PDB file of all heavy atoms in Angstrom:
ATOM      1  N   VAL A   1     130.163  36.588  49.425  1.00  0.00           N
ATOM      2  CA  VAL A   1     129.619  37.396  48.338  1.00  0.00           C
ATOM      3  C   VAL A   1     130.392  38.701  48.221  1.00  0.00           C
ATOM      4  O   VAL A   1     130.649  39.369  49.233  1.00  0.00           O
ATOM      5  CB  VAL A   1     128.126  37.710  48.601  1.00  0.00           C
ATOM      6  CG1 VAL A   1     127.540  38.559  47.502  1.00  0.00           C
ATOM      7  CG2 VAL A   1     127.329  36.433  48.795  1.00  0.00           C
ATOM      8  N   GLU A   2     130.712  39.069  46.981  1.00  0.00           N
ATOM      9  CA  GLU A   2     131.339  40.360  46.740  1.00  0.00           C
ATOM     10  C   GLU A   2     130.245  41.423  46.654  1.00  0.00           C
ATOM     11  O   GLU A   2     129.228  41.225  45.988  1.00  0.00           O
ATOM     12  CB  GLU A   2     132.144  40.333  45.443  1.00  0.00           C
ATOM     13  CG  GLU A   2     133.041  41.532  45.301  1.00  0.00           C
ATOM     14  CD  GLU A   2     134.120  41.330  44.253  1.00  0.00           C
ATOM     15  OE1 GLU A   2     134.154  40.271  43.612  1.00  0.00           O
ATOM     16  OE2 GLU A   2     134.923  42.261  44.092  1.00  0.00           O
ATOM     17  N   VAL A   3     130.464  42.512  47.360  1.00  0.00           N
ATOM     18  CA  VAL A   3     129.486  43.597  47.413  1.00  0.00           C
ATOM     19  C   VAL A   3     130.140  44.855  46.864  1.00  0.00           C
ATOM     20  O   VAL A   3     131.222  45.242  47.324  1.00  0.00           O
ATOM     21  CB  VAL A   3     129.017  43.842  48.871  1.00  0.00           C
ATOM     22  CG1 VAL A   3     127.988  44.955  48.924  1.00  0.00           C
ATOM     23  CG2 VAL A   3     128.472  42.569  49.485  1.00  0.00           C
ATOM     24  N   GLY A   4     129.492  45.474  45.893  1.00  0.00           N
ATOM     25  CA  GLY A   4     130.038  46.699  45.308  1.00  0.00           C
ATOM     26  C   GLY A   4     129.863  47.900  46.221  1.00  0.00           C
ATOM     27  O   GLY A   4     129.244  47.802  47.288  1.00  0.00           O
ATOM     28  N   PRO A   5     130.423  49.038  45.817  1.00  0.00           N
ATOM     29  CA  PRO A   5     130.320  50.246  46.644  1.00  0.00           C
ATOM     30  C   PRO A   5     128.863  50.687  46.801  1.00  0.00           C
ATOM     31  O   PRO A   5     128.090  50.648  45.850  1.00  0.00           O
ATOM     32  CB  PRO A   5     131.143  51.282  45.886  1.00  0.00           C
ATOM     33  CG  PRO A   5     131.315  50.754  44.513  1.00  0.00           C
ATOM     34  CD  PRO A   5     131.140  49.272  44.578  1.00  0.00           C
ATOM     35  N   LEU A   6     128.520  51.071  48.024  1.00  0.00           N
ATOM     36  CA  LEU A   6     127.156  51.512  48.310  1.00  0.00           C
ATOM     37  C   LEU A   6     127.076  53.011  48.544  1.00  0.00           C
ATOM     38  O   LEU A   6     126.071  53.640  48.257  1.00  0.00           O
ATOM     39  CB  LEU A   6     126.611  50.759  49.524  1.00  0.00           C
ATOM     40  CG  LEU A   6     126.525  49.244  49.358  1.00  0.00           C
ATOM     41  CD1 LEU A   6     126.108  48.574  50.654  1.00  0.00           C
ATOM     42  CD2 LEU A   6     125.558  48.883  48.235  1.00  0.00           C
ATOM     43  N   ASN A   7     128.132  53.578  49.121  1.00  0.00           N
ATOM     44  CA  ASN A   7     128.180  55.014  49.407  1.00  0.00           C
ATOM     45  C   ASN A   7     129.638  55.373  49.715  1.00  0.00           C
ATOM     46  O   ASN A   7     130.479  54.480  49.832  1.00  0.00           O
ATOM     47  CB  ASN A   7     127.232  55.376  50.564  1.00  0.00           C
ATOM     48  CG  ASN A   7     127.552  54.623  51.835  1.00  0.00           C
ATOM     49  OD1 ASN A   7     128.662  54.692  52.350  1.00  0.00           O
ATOM     50  ND2 ASN A   7     126.581  53.873  52.353  1.00  0.00           N
ATOM     51  N   PRO A   8     129.968  56.653  49.876  1.00  0.00           N
ATOM     52  CA  PRO A   8     131.364  57.023  50.119  1.00  0.00           C
ATOM     53  C   PRO A   8     131.966  56.366  51.367  1.00  0.00           C
ATOM     54  O   PRO A   8     133.162  56.094  51.417  1.00  0.00           O
ATOM     55  CB  PRO A   8     131.314  58.538  50.284  1.00  0.00           C
ATOM     56  CG  PRO A   8     130.093  58.965  49.551  1.00  0.00           C
ATOM     57  CD  PRO A   8     129.106  57.821  49.717  1.00  0.00           C
ATOM     58  N   ARG A   9     131.173  56.106  52.361  1.00  0.00           N
ATOM     59  CA  ARG A   9     131.657  55.472  53.586  1.00  0.00           C
ATOM     60  C   ARG A   9     131.875  53.974  53.424  1.00  0.00           C
ATOM     61  O   ARG A   9     132.649  53.357  54.133  1.00  0.00           O
ATOM     62  CB  ARG A   9     130.644  55.725  54.713  1.00  0.00           C
ATOM     63  CG  ARG A   9     131.305  55.921  56.052  1.00  0.00           C
ATOM     64  CD  ARG A   9     130.293  56.250  57.140  1.00  0.00           C
ATOM     65  NE  ARG A   9     130.381  55.174  58.113  1.00  0.00           N
ATOM     66  CZ  ARG A   9     129.433  54.305  58.400  1.00  0.00           C
ATOM     67  NH1 ARG A   9     128.273  54.389  57.832  1.00  0.00           N
ATOM     68  NH2 ARG A   9     129.614  53.369  59.284  1.00  0.00           N
ATOM     69  N   ASP A  10     131.156  53.372  52.472  1.00  0.00           N
ATOM     70  CA  ASP A  10     131.220  51.929  52.236  1.00  0.00           C
ATOM     71  C   ASP A  10     131.693  51.679  50.806  1.00  0.00           C
ATOM     72  O   ASP A  10     130.884  51.593  49.888  1.00  0.00           O
ATOM     73  CB  ASP A  10     129.838  51.318  52.469  1.00  0.00           C
ATOM     74  CG  ASP A  10     129.831  49.806  52.292  1.00  0.00           C
ATOM     75  OD1 ASP A  10     130.864  49.238  51.889  1.00  0.00           O
ATOM     76  OD2 ASP A  10     128.784  49.203  52.552  1.00  0.00           O
ATOM     77  N   PRO A  11     133.028  51.561  50.620  1.00  0.00           N
ATOM     78  CA  PRO A  11     133.570  51.412  49.267  1.00  0.00           C
ATOM     79  C   PRO A  11     133.467  49.992  48.702  1.00  0.00           C
ATOM     80  O   PRO A  11     134.077  49.690  47.694  1.00  0.00           O
ATOM     81  CB  PRO A  11     135.028  51.822  49.450  1.00  0.00           C
ATOM     82  CG  PRO A  11     135.349  51.455  50.858  1.00  0.00           C
ATOM     83  CD  PRO A  11     134.069  51.691  51.634  1.00  0.00           C
ATOM     84  N   GLY A  12     132.708  49.127  49.339  1.00  0.00           N
ATOM     85  CA  GLY A  12     132.522  47.770  48.846  1.00  0.00           C
ATOM     86  C   GLY A  12     133.547  46.808  49.402  1.00  0.00           C
ATOM     87  O   GLY A  12     134.557  47.208  49.982  1.00  0.00           O
ATOM     88  N   GLY A  13     133.281  45.534  49.223  1.00  0.00           N
ATOM     89  CA  GLY A  13     134.179  44.508  49.733  1.00  0.00           C
ATOM     90  C   GLY A  13     133.523  43.153  49.633  1.00  0.00           C
ATOM     91  O   GLY A  13     132.765  42.881  48.708  1.00  0.00           O
ATOM     92  N   ILE A  14     133.826  42.305  50.605  1.00  0.00           N
ATOM     93  CA  ILE A  14     133.303  40.940  50.607  1.00  0.00           C
ATOM     94  C   ILE A  14     132.642  40.671  51.955  1.00  0.00           C
ATOM     95  O   ILE A  14     133.183  41.037  53.002  1.00  0.00           O
ATOM     96  CB  ILE A  14     134.435  39.926  50.353  1.00  0.00           C
ATOM     97  CG1 ILE A  14     135.002  40.142  48.941  1.00  0.00           C
ATOM     98  CG2 ILE A  14     133.943  38.499  50.529  1.00  0.00           C
ATOM     99  CD1 ILE A  14     136.183  39.262  48.609  1.00  0.00           C
ATOM    100  N   SER A  15     131.468  40.046  51.904  1.00  0.00           N
ATOM    101  CA  SER A  15     130.775  39.619  53.118  1.00  0.00           C
ATOM    102  C   SER A  15     130.683  38.102  53.101  1.00  0.00           C
ATOM    103  O   SER A  15     130.479  37.500  52.037  1.00  0.00           O
ATOM    104  CB  SER A  15     129.369  40.215  53.192  1.00  0.00           C
ATOM    105  OG  SER A  15     129.438  41.614  53.347  1.00  0.00           O
ATOM    106  N   GLY A  16     130.849  37.498  54.269  1.00  0.00           N
ATOM    107  CA  GLY A  16     130.779  36.051  54.343  1.00  0.00           C
ATOM    108  C   GLY A  16     130.217  35.576  55.659  1.00  0.00           C
ATOM    109  O   GLY A  16     130.325  36.270  56.678  1.00  0.00           O
ATOM    110  N   VAL A  17     129.618  34.382  55.632  1.00  0.00           N
ATOM    111  CA  VAL A  17     129.066  33.784  56.840  1.00  0.00           C
ATOM    112  C   VAL A  17     129.058  32.272  56.686  1.00  0.00           C
ATOM    113  O   VAL A  17     128.915  31.751  55.578  1.00  0.00           O
ATOM    114  CB  VAL A  17     127.637  34.308  57.137  1.00  0.00           C
ATOM    115  CG1 VAL A  17     126.645  33.873  56.076  1.00  0.00           C
ATOM    116  CG2 VAL A  17     127.178  33.921  58.519  1.00  0.00           C
ATOM    117  N   VAL A  18     129.263  31.594  57.792  1.00  0.00           N
ATOM    118  CA  VAL A  18     129.048  30.158  57.848  1.00  0.00           C
ATOM    119  C   VAL A  18     128.233  29.881  59.106  1.00  0.00           C
ATOM    120  O   VAL A  18     128.510  30.435  60.169  1.00  0.00           O
ATOM    121  CB  VAL A  18     130.378  29.352  57.844  1.00  0.00           C
ATOM    122  CG1 VAL A  18     131.225  29.636  59.057  1.00  0.00           C
ATOM    123  CG2 VAL A  18     130.099  27.850  57.717  1.00  0.00           C
ATOM    124  N   LEU A  19     127.193  29.087  58.939  1.00  0.00           N
ATOM    125  CA  LEU A  19     126.389  28.692  60.094  1.00  0.00           C
ATOM    126  C   LEU A  19     127.065  27.503  60.754  1.00  0.00           C
ATOM    127  O   LEU A  19     127.514  26.577  60.069  1.00  0.00           O
ATOM    128  CB  LEU A  19     124.977  28.329  59.665  1.00  0.00           C
ATOM    129  CG  LEU A  19     124.185  29.444  58.993  1.00  0.00           C
ATOM    130  CD1 LEU A  19     122.814  28.922  58.570  1.00  0.00           C
ATOM    131  CD2 LEU A  19     124.060  30.646  59.889  1.00  0.00           C
ATOM    132  N   ILE A  20     127.132  27.548  62.050  1.00  0.00           N
ATOM    133  CA  ILE A  20     127.694  26.438  62.816  1.00  0.00           C
ATOM    134  C   ILE A  20     126.643  25.979  63.814  1.00  0.00           C
ATOM    135  O   ILE A  20     125.751  26.747  64.175  1.00  0.00           O
ATOM    136  CB  ILE A  20     129.010  26.858  63.535  1.00  0.00           C
ATOM    137  CG1 ILE A  20     128.790  28.088  64.414  1.00  0.00           C
ATOM    138  CG2 ILE A  20     130.126  27.102  62.523  1.00  0.00           C
ATOM    139  CD1 ILE A  20     130.012  28.507  65.215  1.00  0.00           C
ATOM    140  N   ALA A  21     126.717  24.740  64.221  1.00  0.00           N
ATOM    141  CA  ALA A  21     125.739  24.220  65.180  1.00  0.00           C
ATOM    142  C   ALA A  21     125.725  25.090  66.425  1.00  0.00           C
ATOM    143  O   ALA A  21     124.692  25.261  67.065  1.00  0.00           O
ATOM    144  CB  ALA A  21     126.067  22.773  65.531  1.00  0.00           C
ATOM    145  N   GLU A  22     126.864  25.675  66.736  1.00  0.00           N
ATOM    146  CA  GLU A  22     126.999  26.517  67.928  1.00  0.00           C
ATOM    147  C   GLU A  22     126.530  27.947  67.675  1.00  0.00           C
ATOM    148  O   GLU A  22     126.374  28.714  68.597  1.00  0.00           O
ATOM    149  CB  GLU A  22     128.461  26.519  68.396  1.00  0.00           C
ATOM    150  CG  GLU A  22     128.961  25.155  68.836  1.00  0.00           C
ATOM    151  CD  GLU A  22     129.364  24.228  67.685  1.00  0.00           C
ATOM    152  OE1 GLU A  22     129.351  24.640  66.504  1.00  0.00           O
ATOM    153  OE2 GLU A  22     129.681  23.063  67.973  1.00  0.00           O
ATOM    154  N   SER A  23     126.317  28.380  66.446  1.00  0.00           N
ATOM    155  CA  SER A  23     125.740  29.646  66.026  1.00  0.00           C
ATOM    156  C   SER A  23     126.274  30.098  64.674  1.00  0.00           C
ATOM    157  O   SER A  23     125.871  29.587  63.664  1.00  0.00           O
ATOM    158  CB  SER A  23     125.876  30.737  67.079  1.00  0.00           C
ATOM    159  OG  SER A  23     125.013  31.803  66.726  1.00  0.00           O
ATOM    160  N   HIS A  24     127.236  31.059  64.619  1.00  0.00           N
ATOM    161  CA  HIS A  24     127.724  31.520  63.313  1.00  0.00           C
ATOM    162  C   HIS A  24     129.073  32.230  63.416  1.00  0.00           C
ATOM    163  O   HIS A  24     129.476  32.694  64.488  1.00  0.00           O
ATOM    164  CB  HIS A  24     126.714  32.458  62.649  1.00  0.00           C
ATOM    165  CG  HIS A  24     126.626  33.792  63.307  1.00  0.00           C
ATOM    166  ND1 HIS A  24     125.787  34.041  64.380  1.00  0.00           N
ATOM    167  CD2 HIS A  24     127.285  34.954  63.078  1.00  0.00           C
ATOM    168  CE1 HIS A  24     125.935  35.312  64.766  1.00  0.00           C
ATOM    169  NE2 HIS A  24     126.839  35.876  63.993  1.00  0.00           N
ATOM    170  N   ILE A  25     129.727  32.324  62.266  1.00  0.00           N
ATOM    171  CA  ILE A  25     130.942  33.115  62.104  1.00  0.00           C
ATOM    172  C   ILE A  25     130.712  33.955  60.848  1.00  0.00           C
ATOM    173  O   ILE A  25     130.341  33.418  59.798  1.00  0.00           O
ATOM    174  CB  ILE A  25     132.186  32.218  61.920  1.00  0.00           C
ATOM    175  CG1 ILE A  25     132.367  31.319  63.140  1.00  0.00           C
ATOM    176  CG2 ILE A  25     133.428  33.085  61.680  1.00  0.00           C
ATOM    177  CD1 ILE A  25     133.410  30.222  62.948  1.00  0.00           C
ATOM    178  N   GLY A  26     130.909  35.254  60.954  1.00  0.00           N
ATOM    179  CA  GLY A  26     130.668  36.121  59.807  1.00  0.00           C
ATOM    180  C   GLY A  26     131.654  37.273  59.746  1.00  0.00           C
ATOM    181  O   GLY A  26     132.300  37.609  60.741  1.00  0.00           O
ATOM    182  N   PHE A  27     131.763  37.870  58.566  1.00  0.00           N
ATOM    183  CA  PHE A  27     132.657  39.019  58.401  1.00  0.00           C
ATOM    184  C   PHE A  27     132.180  39.923  57.274  1.00  0.00           C
ATOM    185  O   PHE A  27     131.389  39.517  56.418  1.00  0.00           O
ATOM    186  CB  PHE A  27     134.094  38.553  58.123  1.00  0.00           C
ATOM    187  CG  PHE A  27     134.249  37.828  56.814  1.00  0.00           C
ATOM    188  CD1 PHE A  27     134.344  38.517  55.607  1.00  0.00           C
ATOM    189  CD2 PHE A  27     134.297  36.448  56.776  1.00  0.00           C
ATOM    190  CE1 PHE A  27     134.468  37.850  54.404  1.00  0.00           C
ATOM    191  CE2 PHE A  27     134.430  35.765  55.576  1.00  0.00           C
ATOM    192  CZ  PHE A  27     134.512  36.474  54.384  1.00  0.00           C
ATOM    193  N   HIS A  28     132.694  41.145  57.278  1.00  0.00           N
ATOM    194  CA  HIS A  28     132.514  42.123  56.210  1.00  0.00           C
ATOM    195  C   HIS A  28     133.863  42.796  56.004  1.00  0.00           C
ATOM    196  O   HIS A  28     134.423  43.342  56.965  1.00  0.00           O
ATOM    197  CB  HIS A  28     131.467  43.171  56.574  1.00  0.00           C
ATOM    198  CG  HIS A  28     130.144  42.578  56.943  1.00  0.00           C
ATOM    199  ND1 HIS A  28     129.250  42.095  56.000  1.00  0.00           N
ATOM    200  CD2 HIS A  28     129.576  42.355  58.145  1.00  0.00           C
ATOM    201  CE1 HIS A  28     128.182  41.615  56.632  1.00  0.00           C
ATOM    202  NE2 HIS A  28     128.355  41.751  57.930  1.00  0.00           N
ATOM    203  N   THR A  29     134.404  42.714  54.776  1.00  0.00           N
ATOM    204  CA  THR A  29     135.699  43.336  54.504  1.00  0.00           C
ATOM    205  C   THR A  29     135.520  44.633  53.724  1.00  0.00           C
ATOM    206  O   THR A  29     134.561  44.782  52.957  1.00  0.00           O
ATOM    207  CB  THR A  29     136.634  42.407  53.693  1.00  0.00           C
ATOM    208  OG1 THR A  29     136.194  42.332  52.333  1.00  0.00           O
ATOM    209  CG2 THR A  29     136.715  41.013  54.318  1.00  0.00           C
ATOM    210  N   PHE A  30     136.462  45.538  53.906  1.00  0.00           N
ATOM    211  CA  PHE A  30     136.508  46.812  53.202  1.00  0.00           C
ATOM    212  C   PHE A  30     137.945  47.010  52.721  1.00  0.00           C
ATOM    213  O   PHE A  30     138.734  47.708  53.365  1.00  0.00           O
ATOM    214  CB  PHE A  30     136.065  47.948  54.132  1.00  0.00           C
ATOM    215  CG  PHE A  30     134.679  47.721  54.709  1.00  0.00           C
ATOM    216  CD1 PHE A  30     134.523  47.016  55.903  1.00  0.00           C
ATOM    217  CD2 PHE A  30     133.557  48.181  54.056  1.00  0.00           C
ATOM    218  CE1 PHE A  30     133.255  46.789  56.434  1.00  0.00           C
ATOM    219  CE2 PHE A  30     132.277  47.949  54.579  1.00  0.00           C
ATOM    220  CZ  PHE A  30     132.133  47.253  55.771  1.00  0.00           C
ATOM    221  N   PRO A  31     138.323  46.341  51.606  1.00  0.00           N
ATOM    222  CA  PRO A  31     139.712  46.353  51.165  1.00  0.00           C
ATOM    223  C   PRO A  31     140.288  47.757  50.960  1.00  0.00           C
ATOM    224  O   PRO A  31     141.447  48.004  51.317  1.00  0.00           O
ATOM    225  CB  PRO A  31     139.672  45.589  49.842  1.00  0.00           C
ATOM    226  CG  PRO A  31     138.468  44.723  49.938  1.00  0.00           C
ATOM    227  CD  PRO A  31     137.484  45.505  50.747  1.00  0.00           C
ATOM    228  N   ALA A  32     139.511  48.673  50.404  1.00  0.00           N
ATOM    229  CA  ALA A  32     140.020  50.027  50.150  1.00  0.00           C
ATOM    230  C   ALA A  32     140.388  50.745  51.446  1.00  0.00           C
ATOM    231  O   ALA A  32     141.212  51.656  51.445  1.00  0.00           O
ATOM    232  CB  ALA A  32     138.986  50.847  49.365  1.00  0.00           C
ATOM    233  N   ARG A  33     139.813  50.318  52.545  1.00  0.00           N
ATOM    234  CA  ARG A  33     140.100  50.905  53.858  1.00  0.00           C
ATOM    235  C   ARG A  33     141.040  50.040  54.695  1.00  0.00           C
ATOM    236  O   ARG A  33     141.417  50.428  55.792  1.00  0.00           O
ATOM    237  CB  ARG A  33     138.808  51.118  54.636  1.00  0.00           C
ATOM    238  CG  ARG A  33     137.880  52.137  54.027  1.00  0.00           C
ATOM    239  CD  ARG A  33     136.588  52.202  54.838  1.00  0.00           C
ATOM    240  NE  ARG A  33     135.763  53.271  54.379  1.00  0.00           N
ATOM    241  CZ  ARG A  33     135.689  54.472  54.952  1.00  0.00           C
ATOM    242  NH1 ARG A  33     136.386  54.738  56.028  1.00  0.00           N
ATOM    243  NH2 ARG A  33     134.907  55.401  54.463  1.00  0.00           N
ATOM    244  N   GLY A  34     141.358  48.823  54.230  1.00  0.00           N
ATOM    245  CA  GLY A  34     142.173  47.912  55.031  1.00  0.00           C
ATOM    246  C   GLY A  34     141.481  47.554  56.338  1.00  0.00           C
ATOM    247  O   GLY A  34     142.112  47.357  57.369  1.00  0.00           O
TER     248      GLY A  34
END
């Protein structure tokens, strides 16, 4: 999911998750910050 800017510290990005039988893999990106 693409997430827009929320505050000056969080300029927005993409969050993702996949559930696995063993638990999960997830991330949050902040492209403006690299």
